[in-house]
């Protein structure tokens, strides 16, 4: 059952899985990954759709969506915005 929200809610979500974050190789490699513009994997796209479905099911309507300009963030935001 959706939760009724009578005040603004800020939802922060991380992008879905990419080819670079599906296998970690250490802290320094993780820092470098954050700047690489890589798309979501098929698993990451599935996760983004699951996030969108969960947010709708829980009653989180969206007036605005912001994301970084990296493709993985844009793809995730588009999945949420399409619901």
C-alpha atoms as a PDB file:
ATOM      1  CA  UNK A   1       0.000   0.000   0.000  1.00  0.00           C
ATOM      2  CA  UNK A   2       1.458   3.412  -0.979  1.00  0.00           C
ATOM      3  CA  UNK A   3       2.494   5.782   1.781  1.00  0.00           C
ATOM      4  CA  UNK A   4       0.746   9.171   1.771  1.00  0.00           C
ATOM      5  CA  UNK A   5       3.264  12.025   1.731  1.00  0.00           C
ATOM      6  CA  UNK A   6       2.011  15.456   2.734  1.00  0.00           C
ATOM      7  CA  UNK A   7       5.394  17.168   2.464  1.00  0.00           C
ATOM      8  CA  UNK A   8       8.211  17.122  -0.111  1.00  0.00           C
ATOM      9  CA  UNK A   9      10.422  14.036  -0.088  1.00  0.00           C
ATOM     10  CA  UNK A  10      13.972  13.896  -1.429  1.00  0.00           C
ATOM     11  CA  UNK A  11      14.873  10.518  -2.905  1.00  0.00           C
ATOM     12  CA  UNK A  12      18.543   9.801  -3.601  1.00  0.00           C
ATOM     13  CA  UNK A  13      19.389   6.702  -5.601  1.00  0.00           C
ATOM     14  CA  UNK A  14      22.555   5.266  -7.062  1.00  0.00           C
ATOM     15  CA  UNK A  15      22.727   4.126 -10.668  1.00  0.00           C
ATOM     16  CA  UNK A  16      22.432   0.472 -11.586  1.00  0.00           C
ATOM     17  CA  UNK A  17      25.328  -1.894 -12.256  1.00  0.00           C
ATOM     18  CA  UNK A  18      27.910  -1.049 -14.925  1.00  0.00           C
ATOM     19  CA  UNK A  19      30.701  -3.154 -16.365  1.00  0.00           C
ATOM     20  CA  UNK A  20      33.161  -1.224 -14.188  1.00  0.00           C
ATOM     21  CA  UNK A  21      31.429  -1.666 -10.841  1.00  0.00           C
ATOM     22  CA  UNK A  22      30.460  -5.294 -11.302  1.00  0.00           C
ATOM     23  CA  UNK A  23      33.957  -6.349 -10.153  1.00  0.00           C
ATOM     24  CA  UNK A  24      35.920  -4.305  -7.606  1.00  0.00           C
ATOM     25  CA  UNK A  25      39.704  -4.349  -7.703  1.00  0.00           C
ATOM     26  CA  UNK A  26      40.605  -1.927  -4.932  1.00  0.00           C
ATOM     27  CA  UNK A  27      40.004   1.555  -3.580  1.00  0.00           C
ATOM     28  CA  UNK A  28      42.111   3.447  -6.139  1.00  0.00           C
ATOM     29  CA  UNK A  29      40.370   1.691  -9.036  1.00  0.00           C
ATOM     30  CA  UNK A  30      36.995   2.654  -7.536  1.00  0.00           C
ATOM     31  CA  UNK A  31      37.932   6.336  -7.604  1.00  0.00           C
ATOM     32  CA  UNK A  32      38.879   6.133 -11.273  1.00  0.00           C
ATOM     33  CA  UNK A  33      35.624   4.390 -12.155  1.00  0.00           C
ATOM     34  CA  UNK A  34      33.568   7.266 -10.842  1.00  0.00           C
ATOM     35  CA  UNK A  35      34.761   9.468 -13.729  1.00  0.00           C
ATOM     36  CA  UNK A  36      34.353   6.930 -16.528  1.00  0.00           C
ATOM     37  CA  UNK A  37      31.265   7.383 -18.686  1.00  0.00           C
ATOM     38  CA  UNK A  38      30.035   3.824 -19.085  1.00  0.00           C
ATOM     39  CA  UNK A  39      26.456   2.666 -19.698  1.00  0.00           C
ATOM     40  CA  UNK A  40      24.433   0.346 -17.543  1.00  0.00           C
ATOM     41  CA  UNK A  41      24.764  -3.374 -18.106  1.00  0.00           C
ATOM     42  CA  UNK A  42      21.604  -5.367 -18.784  1.00  0.00           C
ATOM     43  CA  UNK A  43      21.600  -6.123 -15.037  1.00  0.00           C
ATOM     44  CA  UNK A  44      21.909  -2.384 -14.308  1.00  0.00           C
ATOM     45  CA  UNK A  45      18.954  -1.616 -16.562  1.00  0.00           C
ATOM     46  CA  UNK A  46      16.930  -4.299 -14.785  1.00  0.00           C
ATOM     47  CA  UNK A  47      17.883  -2.740 -11.408  1.00  0.00           C
ATOM     48  CA  UNK A  48      16.832   0.721 -12.614  1.00  0.00           C
ATOM     49  CA  UNK A  49      13.425  -0.614 -13.688  1.00  0.00           C
ATOM     50  CA  UNK A  50      13.055  -2.392 -10.332  1.00  0.00           C
ATOM     51  CA  UNK A  51      13.862   0.878  -8.546  1.00  0.00           C
ATOM     52  CA  UNK A  52      11.262   2.727 -10.616  1.00  0.00           C
ATOM     53  CA  UNK A  53       8.605   0.106  -9.899  1.00  0.00           C
ATOM     54  CA  UNK A  54       9.403   0.147  -6.175  1.00  0.00           C
ATOM     55  CA  UNK A  55       9.174   3.943  -5.986  1.00  0.00           C
ATOM     56  CA  UNK A  56       5.799   3.960  -7.750  1.00  0.00           C
ATOM     57  CA  UNK A  57       4.508   1.094  -5.591  1.00  0.00           C
ATOM     58  CA  UNK A  58       5.580   2.920  -2.431  1.00  0.00           C
ATOM     59  CA  UNK A  59       3.799   6.104  -3.531  1.00  0.00           C
ATOM     60  CA  UNK A  60       6.673   8.397  -4.472  1.00  0.00           C
ATOM     61  CA  UNK A  61       5.375  10.696  -7.226  1.00  0.00           C
ATOM     62  CA  UNK A  62       8.050  12.723  -8.998  1.00  0.00           C
ATOM     63  CA  UNK A  63       7.794  16.356  -9.972  1.00  0.00           C
ATOM     64  CA  UNK A  64      11.481  16.681 -10.901  1.00  0.00           C
ATOM     65  CA  UNK A  65      14.393  14.340 -11.445  1.00  0.00           C
ATOM     66  CA  UNK A  66      18.038  15.404 -11.467  1.00  0.00           C
ATOM     67  CA  UNK A  67      21.024  13.281 -12.384  1.00  0.00           C
ATOM     68  CA  UNK A  68      24.615  13.711 -13.417  1.00  0.00           C
ATOM     69  CA  UNK A  69      25.311  13.793 -17.143  1.00  0.00           C
ATOM     70  CA  UNK A  70      27.061  10.409 -17.083  1.00  0.00           C
ATOM     71  CA  UNK A  71      25.155   7.887 -19.182  1.00  0.00           C
ATOM     72  CA  UNK A  72      24.631   5.403 -16.333  1.00  0.00           C
ATOM     73  CA  UNK A  73      22.968   8.090 -14.203  1.00  0.00           C
ATOM     74  CA  UNK A  74      20.879   9.401 -17.097  1.00  0.00           C
ATOM     75  CA  UNK A  75      19.720   5.869 -17.995  1.00  0.00           C
ATOM     76  CA  UNK A  76      18.712   5.210 -14.379  1.00  0.00           C
ATOM     77  CA  UNK A  77      16.879   8.539 -14.129  1.00  0.00           C
ATOM     78  CA  UNK A  78      15.058   7.883 -17.414  1.00  0.00           C
ATOM     79  CA  UNK A  79      13.830   4.512 -16.134  1.00  0.00           C
ATOM     80  CA  UNK A  80      12.426   6.195 -13.033  1.00  0.00           C
ATOM     81  CA  UNK A  81      10.950   9.094 -15.009  1.00  0.00           C
ATOM     82  CA  UNK A  82       9.236   6.769 -17.489  1.00  0.00           C
ATOM     83  CA  UNK A  83       7.139   5.214 -14.697  1.00  0.00           C
END
